[in-house]
């Protein structure tokens, strides 16, 4: 029937009230249609990125996490919220570099995902040079600055059982 906004996907997924790990970018798009939820949804997407990186086996969900970061960046430019993204990406870098998740940060920087500059969004105070330096290898601390204990083997087994 014409004029109805109906799909099998909407039946399966129901109303989106939070961002999940299955279709995080799609969930994010639905939530940010409500402008008053933009900041909250962006922060929630950031938490999902960390979950995808830290709570999965190896790099299994790195592609999805990078896609989320890229989409958050694009939407923060579009919605003039550069500080929201720049705070997130700075915190992400600080939290991952020098840990067992450094490879994920390497992936983000290799993909060229960096700070939002004033050229892209007038509300940003970041210069293009600062953004370029932010993802350069020169800006990384010496290896081993931060250490994160790997989970005990029993935790890994519990995680695998929980996923079944």
N, C-alpha and C. Protein backbone atom coordinates (compact mmCIF):
# COMPACT_ATOMS: atom_id res chain seq x y z
N UNK A 1 0.85 -1.17 0.00
CA UNK A 1 0.00 0.00 0.00
C UNK A 1 0.89 1.23 0.00
N UNK A 2 0.58 2.18 -0.85
CA UNK A 2 1.41 3.39 -0.95
C UNK A 2 1.17 4.28 0.27
N UNK A 3 2.22 5.03 0.62
CA UNK A 3 2.10 5.99 1.70
C UNK A 3 2.37 5.42 3.09
N UNK A 4 2.51 4.13 3.18
CA UNK A 4 2.82 3.55 4.49
C UNK A 4 4.32 3.33 4.60
N UNK A 5 4.83 3.62 5.78
CA UNK A 5 6.25 3.42 6.05
C UNK A 5 6.37 2.09 6.78
N UNK A 6 6.33 1.01 6.01
CA UNK A 6 6.28 -0.33 6.57
C UNK A 6 7.38 -1.18 5.95
N UNK A 7 8.05 -1.94 6.77
CA UNK A 7 9.03 -2.88 6.24
C UNK A 7 9.17 -4.05 7.19
N UNK A 8 9.63 -5.15 6.65
CA UNK A 8 9.87 -6.33 7.48
C UNK A 8 10.94 -6.01 8.53
N UNK A 9 11.91 -5.20 8.13
CA UNK A 9 12.99 -4.84 9.06
C UNK A 9 12.43 -4.13 10.30
N UNK A 10 11.43 -3.26 10.08
CA UNK A 10 10.86 -2.55 11.23
C UNK A 10 10.13 -3.52 12.15
N UNK A 11 9.53 -4.57 11.58
CA UNK A 11 8.87 -5.58 12.42
C UNK A 11 9.88 -6.35 13.24
N UNK A 12 10.98 -6.70 12.62
CA UNK A 12 12.01 -7.48 13.29
C UNK A 12 12.70 -6.66 14.38
N UNK A 13 13.03 -5.42 14.05
CA UNK A 13 13.81 -4.60 14.97
C UNK A 13 12.96 -3.85 15.97
N UNK A 14 11.72 -3.57 15.68
CA UNK A 14 10.90 -2.77 16.57
C UNK A 14 11.41 -1.36 16.62
N UNK A 15 10.95 -0.61 17.60
CA UNK A 15 11.39 0.77 17.74
C UNK A 15 12.79 0.81 18.33
N UNK A 16 13.66 1.62 17.73
CA UNK A 16 15.03 1.74 18.21
C UNK A 16 15.06 2.78 19.34
N UNK A 17 15.48 2.33 20.50
CA UNK A 17 15.58 3.23 21.65
C UNK A 17 17.01 3.37 22.13
N UNK A 18 17.88 2.50 21.63
CA UNK A 18 19.30 2.57 21.97
C UNK A 18 20.11 1.96 20.83
N UNK A 19 21.41 2.19 20.87
CA UNK A 19 22.29 1.70 19.82
C UNK A 19 22.83 0.34 20.23
N UNK A 20 22.60 -0.65 19.38
CA UNK A 20 23.08 -1.99 19.63
C UNK A 20 24.34 -2.27 18.83
N UNK A 21 24.89 -3.44 19.01
CA UNK A 21 26.12 -3.81 18.30
C UNK A 21 25.84 -4.48 16.96
N UNK A 22 24.61 -4.87 16.70
CA UNK A 22 24.28 -5.56 15.45
C UNK A 22 24.28 -4.59 14.26
N UNK A 23 23.54 -3.49 14.38
CA UNK A 23 23.44 -2.48 13.32
C UNK A 23 23.63 -1.08 13.92
N UNK A 24 24.80 -0.81 14.49
CA UNK A 24 24.96 0.45 15.22
C UNK A 24 24.79 1.71 14.38
N UNK A 25 25.27 1.71 13.15
CA UNK A 25 25.15 2.92 12.32
C UNK A 25 23.68 3.19 12.00
N UNK A 26 22.95 2.15 11.67
CA UNK A 26 21.52 2.30 11.39
C UNK A 26 20.77 2.80 12.63
N UNK A 27 21.07 2.21 13.78
CA UNK A 27 20.44 2.65 15.03
C UNK A 27 20.76 4.12 15.31
N UNK A 28 22.00 4.50 15.09
CA UNK A 28 22.45 5.89 15.31
C UNK A 28 21.66 6.84 14.41
N UNK A 29 21.51 6.48 13.14
CA UNK A 29 20.76 7.33 12.22
C UNK A 29 19.33 7.53 12.68
N UNK A 30 18.72 6.47 13.18
CA UNK A 30 17.34 6.58 13.65
C UNK A 30 17.26 7.52 14.86
N UNK A 31 18.18 7.36 15.80
CA UNK A 31 18.15 8.17 17.01
C UNK A 31 18.46 9.64 16.75
N UNK A 32 19.36 9.93 15.82
CA UNK A 32 19.73 11.34 15.62
C UNK A 32 18.71 12.09 14.76
N UNK A 33 17.68 11.40 14.30
CA UNK A 33 16.58 12.12 13.63
C UNK A 33 15.89 13.05 14.62
N UNK A 34 16.06 12.77 15.89
CA UNK A 34 15.56 13.64 16.96
C UNK A 34 16.74 14.51 17.40
N UNK A 35 16.80 15.77 16.94
CA UNK A 35 17.97 16.61 17.22
C UNK A 35 18.34 16.70 18.70
N UNK A 36 17.35 16.65 19.58
CA UNK A 36 17.65 16.75 21.00
C UNK A 36 18.38 15.51 21.52
N UNK A 37 18.42 14.44 20.75
CA UNK A 37 19.11 13.21 21.16
C UNK A 37 20.49 13.08 20.53
N UNK A 38 20.91 14.07 19.74
CA UNK A 38 22.15 13.95 18.98
C UNK A 38 23.36 13.67 19.88
N UNK A 39 23.57 14.50 20.88
CA UNK A 39 24.75 14.35 21.74
C UNK A 39 24.69 13.01 22.48
N UNK A 40 23.54 12.71 23.05
CA UNK A 40 23.36 11.45 23.78
C UNK A 40 23.62 10.24 22.86
N UNK A 41 23.07 10.28 21.66
CA UNK A 41 23.25 9.17 20.71
C UNK A 41 24.71 9.05 20.28
N UNK A 42 25.38 10.16 20.09
CA UNK A 42 26.79 10.12 19.70
C UNK A 42 27.64 9.51 20.80
N UNK A 43 27.35 9.86 22.03
CA UNK A 43 28.10 9.28 23.16
C UNK A 43 27.81 7.78 23.28
N UNK A 44 26.56 7.42 23.03
CA UNK A 44 26.20 6.00 23.08
C UNK A 44 26.92 5.23 21.97
N UNK A 45 27.01 5.82 20.78
CA UNK A 45 27.75 5.18 19.70
C UNK A 45 29.22 5.01 20.07
N UNK A 46 29.77 5.99 20.76
CA UNK A 46 31.15 5.88 21.24
C UNK A 46 31.33 4.70 22.18
N UNK A 47 30.36 4.49 23.07
CA UNK A 47 30.43 3.34 23.98
C UNK A 47 30.32 2.02 23.20
N UNK A 48 29.50 2.02 22.15
CA UNK A 48 29.37 0.82 21.32
C UNK A 48 30.68 0.53 20.61
N UNK A 49 31.35 1.57 20.13
CA UNK A 49 32.66 1.39 19.49
C UNK A 49 33.61 0.68 20.44
N UNK A 50 33.69 1.16 21.67
CA UNK A 50 34.58 0.53 22.65
C UNK A 50 34.18 -0.92 22.91
N UNK A 51 32.90 -1.17 22.96
CA UNK A 51 32.43 -2.55 23.17
C UNK A 51 32.84 -3.43 21.99
N UNK A 52 32.69 -2.92 20.77
CA UNK A 52 33.07 -3.69 19.59
C UNK A 52 34.56 -4.00 19.58
N UNK A 53 35.35 -3.05 20.05
CA UNK A 53 36.80 -3.23 20.05
C UNK A 53 37.26 -4.14 21.19
N UNK A 54 36.73 -3.91 22.37
CA UNK A 54 37.26 -4.59 23.55
C UNK A 54 36.56 -5.88 23.92
N UNK A 55 35.33 -6.07 23.49
CA UNK A 55 34.58 -7.24 23.94
C UNK A 55 34.34 -8.27 22.85
N UNK A 56 35.17 -8.25 21.83
CA UNK A 56 35.06 -9.27 20.79
C UNK A 56 36.40 -9.96 20.63
N UNK A 57 36.38 -11.07 19.95
CA UNK A 57 37.58 -11.84 19.75
C UNK A 57 38.49 -11.16 18.74
N UNK A 58 39.69 -10.81 19.14
CA UNK A 58 40.65 -10.20 18.23
C UNK A 58 40.09 -8.97 17.54
N UNK A 59 40.26 -8.94 16.22
CA UNK A 59 39.82 -7.77 15.46
C UNK A 59 38.52 -8.05 14.69
N UNK A 60 37.74 -8.99 15.18
CA UNK A 60 36.53 -9.44 14.47
C UNK A 60 35.57 -8.31 14.11
N UNK A 61 35.47 -7.30 14.95
CA UNK A 61 34.51 -6.22 14.68
C UNK A 61 35.18 -4.87 14.46
N UNK A 62 36.46 -4.88 14.14
CA UNK A 62 37.16 -3.62 13.89
C UNK A 62 36.55 -2.86 12.72
N UNK A 63 36.16 -3.56 11.65
CA UNK A 63 35.56 -2.87 10.50
C UNK A 63 34.29 -2.13 10.91
N UNK A 64 33.46 -2.79 11.67
CA UNK A 64 32.21 -2.18 12.11
C UNK A 64 32.49 -0.99 13.02
N UNK A 65 33.47 -1.12 13.91
CA UNK A 65 33.82 -0.03 14.82
C UNK A 65 34.36 1.18 14.05
N UNK A 66 35.19 0.93 13.05
CA UNK A 66 35.73 2.03 12.23
C UNK A 66 34.60 2.70 11.46
N UNK A 67 33.67 1.92 10.95
CA UNK A 67 32.51 2.48 10.24
C UNK A 67 31.71 3.40 11.18
N UNK A 68 31.54 2.97 12.41
CA UNK A 68 30.81 3.78 13.40
C UNK A 68 31.52 5.11 13.64
N UNK A 69 32.83 5.07 13.80
CA UNK A 69 33.60 6.28 14.06
C UNK A 69 33.50 7.23 12.87
N UNK A 70 33.64 6.69 11.66
CA UNK A 70 33.53 7.52 10.46
C UNK A 70 32.17 8.17 10.34
N UNK A 71 31.12 7.42 10.66
CA UNK A 71 29.77 7.97 10.58
C UNK A 71 29.53 9.02 11.66
N UNK A 72 30.03 8.75 12.86
CA UNK A 72 29.89 9.75 13.92
C UNK A 72 30.58 11.05 13.51
N UNK A 73 31.76 10.92 12.94
CA UNK A 73 32.50 12.11 12.50
C UNK A 73 31.72 12.88 11.46
N UNK A 74 31.20 12.18 10.46
CA UNK A 74 30.44 12.83 9.38
C UNK A 74 29.21 13.54 9.95
N UNK A 75 28.52 12.91 10.86
CA UNK A 75 27.31 13.51 11.43
C UNK A 75 27.64 14.69 12.36
N UNK A 76 28.77 14.61 13.05
CA UNK A 76 29.17 15.73 13.90
C UNK A 76 29.56 16.95 13.05
N UNK A 77 30.15 16.72 11.89
CA UNK A 77 30.43 17.83 10.96
C UNK A 77 29.11 18.40 10.47
N UNK A 78 28.24 17.53 10.00
CA UNK A 78 26.95 17.93 9.43
C UNK A 78 26.09 18.70 10.44
N UNK A 79 26.15 18.28 11.69
CA UNK A 79 25.31 18.89 12.73
C UNK A 79 26.05 19.93 13.58
N UNK A 80 27.21 20.35 13.11
CA UNK A 80 28.00 21.38 13.79
C UNK A 80 28.28 21.06 15.25
N UNK A 81 28.75 19.83 15.49
CA UNK A 81 29.11 19.38 16.84
C UNK A 81 30.55 18.85 16.83
N UNK A 82 31.51 19.66 16.37
CA UNK A 82 32.89 19.14 16.27
C UNK A 82 33.49 18.76 17.62
N UNK A 83 33.14 19.50 18.68
CA UNK A 83 33.73 19.20 19.98
C UNK A 83 33.29 17.84 20.50
N UNK A 84 32.07 17.44 20.16
CA UNK A 84 31.57 16.13 20.58
C UNK A 84 32.46 15.03 19.99
N UNK A 85 32.72 15.12 18.69
CA UNK A 85 33.57 14.11 18.05
C UNK A 85 35.02 14.23 18.50
N UNK A 86 35.53 15.45 18.53
CA UNK A 86 36.95 15.62 18.88
C UNK A 86 37.24 15.13 20.30
N UNK A 87 36.33 15.35 21.23
CA UNK A 87 36.51 14.82 22.59
C UNK A 87 36.53 13.30 22.56
N UNK A 88 35.60 12.72 21.80
CA UNK A 88 35.52 11.27 21.71
C UNK A 88 36.81 10.69 21.13
N UNK A 89 37.27 11.21 20.00
CA UNK A 89 38.42 10.62 19.31
C UNK A 89 39.71 10.80 20.13
N UNK A 90 39.81 11.93 20.85
CA UNK A 90 40.98 12.12 21.72
C UNK A 90 40.97 11.09 22.85
N UNK A 91 39.81 10.90 23.46
CA UNK A 91 39.69 9.93 24.54
C UNK A 91 39.94 8.51 24.04
N UNK A 92 39.46 8.22 22.85
CA UNK A 92 39.67 6.90 22.26
C UNK A 92 41.16 6.64 22.07
N UNK A 93 41.84 7.60 21.50
CA UNK A 93 43.29 7.44 21.28
C UNK A 93 44.01 7.27 22.61
N UNK A 94 43.69 8.11 23.58
CA UNK A 94 44.35 8.02 24.88
C UNK A 94 44.10 6.66 25.55
N UNK A 95 42.90 6.12 25.35
CA UNK A 95 42.55 4.87 25.99
C UNK A 95 43.07 3.62 25.30
N UNK A 96 43.43 3.74 24.03
CA UNK A 96 43.83 2.55 23.28
C UNK A 96 45.32 2.44 23.01
N UNK A 97 45.96 3.55 22.73
CA UNK A 97 47.38 3.52 22.38
C UNK A 97 48.20 3.07 23.57
N UNK A 98 49.07 2.10 23.33
CA UNK A 98 49.92 1.57 24.38
C UNK A 98 49.28 0.41 25.12
N UNK A 99 48.09 0.00 24.67
CA UNK A 99 47.42 -1.15 25.26
C UNK A 99 47.38 -2.26 24.21
N UNK A 100 46.72 -3.34 24.52
CA UNK A 100 46.61 -4.41 23.53
C UNK A 100 45.67 -4.04 22.39
N UNK A 101 45.07 -2.85 22.45
CA UNK A 101 44.16 -2.39 21.40
C UNK A 101 44.81 -1.35 20.48
N UNK A 102 46.12 -1.19 20.59
CA UNK A 102 46.83 -0.23 19.75
C UNK A 102 46.58 -0.51 18.27
N UNK A 103 46.46 -1.78 17.89
CA UNK A 103 46.22 -2.13 16.49
C UNK A 103 44.93 -1.51 15.97
N UNK A 104 43.94 -1.39 16.84
CA UNK A 104 42.70 -0.74 16.40
C UNK A 104 42.95 0.74 16.13
N UNK A 105 43.68 1.40 17.02
CA UNK A 105 43.98 2.81 16.79
C UNK A 105 44.78 2.97 15.49
N UNK A 106 45.71 2.05 15.25
CA UNK A 106 46.48 2.10 14.00
C UNK A 106 45.53 2.05 12.80
N UNK A 107 44.51 1.24 12.89
CA UNK A 107 43.53 1.12 11.81
C UNK A 107 42.77 2.43 11.60
N UNK A 108 42.37 3.06 12.70
CA UNK A 108 41.66 4.34 12.63
C UNK A 108 42.54 5.38 11.95
N UNK A 109 43.79 5.47 12.38
CA UNK A 109 44.68 6.48 11.81
C UNK A 109 45.05 6.16 10.36
N UNK A 110 45.20 4.88 10.03
CA UNK A 110 45.49 4.49 8.64
C UNK A 110 44.33 4.88 7.73
N UNK A 111 43.11 4.79 8.25
CA UNK A 111 41.93 5.19 7.48
C UNK A 111 41.77 6.71 7.41
N UNK A 112 42.65 7.44 8.10
CA UNK A 112 42.63 8.90 8.03
C UNK A 112 41.54 9.56 8.85
N UNK A 113 40.99 8.84 9.81
CA UNK A 113 39.94 9.41 10.65
C UNK A 113 40.61 10.22 11.75
N UNK A 114 40.41 11.52 11.70
CA UNK A 114 41.09 12.41 12.63
C UNK A 114 40.14 13.46 13.17
N UNK A 115 40.69 14.40 13.89
CA UNK A 115 39.92 15.50 14.47
C UNK A 115 39.20 16.30 13.38
N UNK A 116 38.06 16.85 13.75
CA UNK A 116 37.32 17.74 12.84
C UNK A 116 37.98 19.11 12.92
N UNK A 117 38.32 19.66 11.77
CA UNK A 117 39.03 20.95 11.73
C UNK A 117 38.07 22.11 11.49
N UNK A 118 38.60 23.31 11.70
CA UNK A 118 37.85 24.53 11.44
C UNK A 118 37.53 24.72 9.97
N UNK A 119 38.28 24.07 9.09
CA UNK A 119 38.01 24.12 7.65
C UNK A 119 36.71 23.36 7.35
N UNK A 120 36.51 22.25 8.06
CA UNK A 120 35.31 21.42 7.85
C UNK A 120 34.09 21.96 8.58
N UNK A 121 34.31 22.55 9.73
CA UNK A 121 33.21 23.03 10.57
C UNK A 121 33.72 24.27 11.31
N UNK A 122 33.07 25.39 11.07
CA UNK A 122 33.55 26.66 11.62
C UNK A 122 33.60 26.70 13.15
N UNK A 123 32.88 25.81 13.81
CA UNK A 123 32.88 25.80 15.27
C UNK A 123 34.10 25.09 15.87
N UNK A 124 34.89 24.44 15.03
CA UNK A 124 36.08 23.75 15.51
C UNK A 124 37.26 24.70 15.56
N UNK A 125 38.08 24.55 16.60
CA UNK A 125 39.30 25.35 16.73
C UNK A 125 40.54 24.57 16.29
N UNK A 126 40.35 23.35 15.79
CA UNK A 126 41.46 22.49 15.37
C UNK A 126 41.93 22.91 13.97
N UNK A 127 43.24 23.05 13.81
CA UNK A 127 43.79 23.38 12.50
C UNK A 127 44.03 22.09 11.71
N UNK A 128 44.12 22.19 10.37
CA UNK A 128 44.44 20.99 9.58
C UNK A 128 45.77 20.36 9.99
N UNK A 129 46.76 21.17 10.35
CA UNK A 129 48.05 20.62 10.80
C UNK A 129 47.90 19.83 12.09
N UNK A 130 47.09 20.34 13.02
CA UNK A 130 46.85 19.62 14.28
C UNK A 130 46.16 18.28 14.00
N UNK A 131 45.20 18.30 13.10
CA UNK A 131 44.47 17.08 12.77
C UNK A 131 45.39 16.05 12.13
N UNK A 132 46.27 16.52 11.25
CA UNK A 132 47.22 15.61 10.59
C UNK A 132 48.20 15.03 11.61
N UNK A 133 48.68 15.86 12.49
CA UNK A 133 49.64 15.41 13.52
C UNK A 133 48.96 14.42 14.48
N UNK A 134 47.68 14.64 14.75
CA UNK A 134 46.94 13.79 15.70
C UNK A 134 46.99 12.32 15.30
N UNK A 135 46.93 12.03 14.01
CA UNK A 135 46.94 10.63 13.58
C UNK A 135 48.29 10.16 13.05
N UNK A 136 49.30 11.02 13.13
CA UNK A 136 50.61 10.59 12.66
C UNK A 136 51.27 9.69 13.69
N UNK A 137 52.14 8.83 13.24
CA UNK A 137 52.85 7.91 14.13
C UNK A 137 53.72 8.68 15.12
N UNK A 138 54.13 9.89 14.74
CA UNK A 138 54.98 10.69 15.63
C UNK A 138 54.25 11.11 16.90
N UNK A 139 52.91 11.12 16.84
CA UNK A 139 52.15 11.59 18.00
C UNK A 139 51.87 10.47 19.00
N UNK A 140 52.34 9.26 18.69
CA UNK A 140 52.08 8.14 19.58
C UNK A 140 53.11 8.09 20.70
N UNK A 141 52.66 7.76 21.91
CA UNK A 141 53.63 7.61 23.01
C UNK A 141 54.49 6.38 22.77
N UNK A 142 55.57 6.29 23.51
CA UNK A 142 56.44 5.12 23.40
C UNK A 142 55.65 3.86 23.76
N UNK A 143 55.94 2.79 23.09
CA UNK A 143 55.26 1.52 23.36
C UNK A 143 55.47 1.12 24.81
N UNK A 144 54.44 0.58 25.38
CA UNK A 144 54.53 0.09 26.74
C UNK A 144 54.25 1.14 27.81
N UNK A 145 53.82 2.34 27.42
CA UNK A 145 53.51 3.37 28.40
C UNK A 145 52.34 2.92 29.26
N UNK A 146 51.31 2.40 28.61
CA UNK A 146 50.15 1.90 29.34
C UNK A 146 50.14 0.40 29.22
N UNK A 147 49.75 -0.24 30.27
CA UNK A 147 49.59 -1.68 30.17
C UNK A 147 48.21 -2.03 30.67
N UNK A 148 47.63 -2.95 30.01
CA UNK A 148 46.32 -3.44 30.43
C UNK A 148 46.46 -4.93 30.56
N UNK A 149 46.04 -5.42 31.69
CA UNK A 149 46.14 -6.85 31.93
C UNK A 149 45.24 -7.59 30.98
N UNK A 150 45.75 -8.59 30.29
CA UNK A 150 44.85 -9.40 29.47
C UNK A 150 43.92 -10.16 30.39
N UNK A 151 42.70 -10.43 29.92
CA UNK A 151 41.78 -11.16 30.79
C UNK A 151 42.34 -12.55 31.07
N UNK A 152 42.00 -13.06 32.22
CA UNK A 152 42.41 -14.41 32.57
C UNK A 152 41.77 -15.38 31.58
N UNK A 153 42.41 -16.53 31.38
CA UNK A 153 41.89 -17.48 30.41
C UNK A 153 40.46 -17.89 30.73
N UNK A 154 40.12 -17.99 32.00
CA UNK A 154 38.75 -18.38 32.36
C UNK A 154 37.75 -17.32 31.93
N UNK A 155 38.16 -16.05 31.96
CA UNK A 155 37.27 -14.98 31.49
C UNK A 155 37.01 -15.13 30.00
N UNK A 156 38.04 -15.46 29.22
CA UNK A 156 37.86 -15.67 27.79
C UNK A 156 36.87 -16.78 27.54
N UNK A 157 36.99 -17.88 28.28
CA UNK A 157 36.08 -19.00 28.12
C UNK A 157 34.67 -18.60 28.49
N UNK A 158 34.52 -17.85 29.57
CA UNK A 158 33.20 -17.37 29.97
C UNK A 158 32.59 -16.47 28.92
N UNK A 159 33.42 -15.60 28.32
CA UNK A 159 32.95 -14.72 27.25
C UNK A 159 32.45 -15.53 26.06
N UNK A 160 33.21 -16.57 25.69
CA UNK A 160 32.80 -17.41 24.56
C UNK A 160 31.49 -18.11 24.87
N UNK A 161 31.35 -18.63 26.08
CA UNK A 161 30.11 -19.31 26.44
C UNK A 161 28.93 -18.34 26.45
N UNK A 162 29.16 -17.13 26.88
CA UNK A 162 28.09 -16.13 26.91
C UNK A 162 27.63 -15.75 25.52
N UNK A 163 28.54 -15.85 24.54
CA UNK A 163 28.18 -15.49 23.17
C UNK A 163 27.37 -16.59 22.48
N UNK A 164 27.36 -17.79 23.06
CA UNK A 164 26.65 -18.91 22.43
C UNK A 164 25.17 -18.84 22.72
